Amino acid sequence: MNLLEMARESGMTVILDGRIGREEYHSVCGSLAAFEQFANALRMVTASENVTRSDRDDEEIAFSHQRRR
């Protein structure tokens, strides 16, 4: 998940994109509507990742029960 790309797709603008040493710095600005759209996109990605992680955890639990038998 690339947060900067998600912000751009939501209508926000990256106004600072720099590096000092190993650290990268980014500043993003936009309207409240763009920020709400970004927040909703982030929620959807996070929920999707949680479902995938939950499915994977369920498979690991089932596999560990099979090994014990």
Protein backbone atom coordinates (compact mmCIF):
# COMPACT_ATOMS: atom_id res chain seq x y z
CA MET A 1 0.00 0.00 0.00
CA ASN A 2 1.54 3.29 -1.11
CA LEU A 3 0.06 6.05 1.05
CA LEU A 4 1.31 8.88 -1.16
CA GLU A 5 -0.26 7.33 -4.25
CA MET A 6 -3.52 6.82 -2.34
CA ALA A 7 -3.44 10.49 -1.30
CA ARG A 8 -2.89 11.60 -4.90
CA GLU A 9 -5.72 9.37 -6.14
CA SER A 10 -7.97 10.92 -3.48
CA GLY A 11 -7.35 14.40 -4.88
CA MET A 12 -4.60 15.51 -2.52
CA THR A 13 -1.30 17.09 -3.59
CA VAL A 14 2.25 16.26 -2.46
CA ILE A 15 3.84 19.68 -1.94
CA LEU A 16 7.11 18.57 -0.36
CA ASP A 17 9.04 15.54 -1.45
CA GLY A 18 12.56 15.44 -0.04
CA ARG A 19 15.26 13.47 1.66
CA ILE A 20 17.72 14.37 4.40
CA GLY A 21 20.20 11.59 4.93
CA ARG A 22 18.24 8.34 5.08
CA GLU A 23 14.95 9.95 6.06
CA GLU A 24 12.30 10.81 3.47
CA TYR A 25 9.93 13.71 4.07
CA HIS A 26 6.59 14.31 2.35
CA SER A 27 3.95 16.93 2.93
CA VAL A 28 0.45 16.42 1.60
CA CYS A 29 -2.37 18.95 1.38
CA GLY A 30 -5.87 19.03 0.02
CA SER A 31 -9.48 19.79 0.73
CA LEU A 32 -11.46 18.23 3.54
CA ALA A 33 -13.41 16.24 0.93
CA ALA A 34 -10.13 14.86 -0.46
CA PHE A 35 -8.98 13.98 3.05
CA GLU A 36 -12.26 12.16 3.74
CA GLN A 37 -11.88 10.27 0.46
CA PHE A 38 -8.32 9.31 1.48
CA ALA A 39 -9.54 8.16 4.91
CA ASN A 40 -12.24 6.01 3.30
CA ALA A 41 -9.73 4.48 0.87
CA LEU A 42 -7.39 3.73 3.78
CA ARG A 43 -10.23 2.06 5.71
CA MET A 44 -11.06 -0.14 2.73
CA VAL A 45 -7.44 -1.23 2.25
CA THR A 46 -7.00 -1.91 5.97
CA ALA A 47 -10.24 -3.91 6.17
CA SER A 48 -9.20 -5.93 3.11
CA GLU A 49 -5.79 -6.68 4.65
CA ASN A 50 -7.41 -7.70 7.94
CA VAL A 51 -9.73 -10.15 6.15
CA THR A 52 -6.77 -11.64 4.26
CA ARG A 53 -4.74 -11.90 7.48
CA SER A 54 -7.70 -13.49 9.28
CA ASP A 55 -8.12 -16.08 6.50
CA ARG A 56 -4.41 -16.87 6.64
CA ASP A 57 -4.53 -17.21 10.45
CA ASP A 58 -7.52 -19.58 10.17
CA GLU A 59 -5.59 -21.73 7.68
CA GLU A 60 -2.55 -21.85 9.97
CA ILE A 61 -4.70 -22.88 12.94
CA ALA A 62 -6.37 -25.63 10.91
CA PHE A 63 -2.98 -26.86 9.64
CA SER A 64 -1.49 -26.93 13.17
CA HIS A 65 -4.48 -29.00 14.40
CA GLN A 66 -3.95 -31.48 11.57
CA ARG A 67 -0.26 -31.89 12.47
CA ARG A 68 -1.09 -32.68 16.11
CA ARG A 69 -3.29 -35.65 15.22
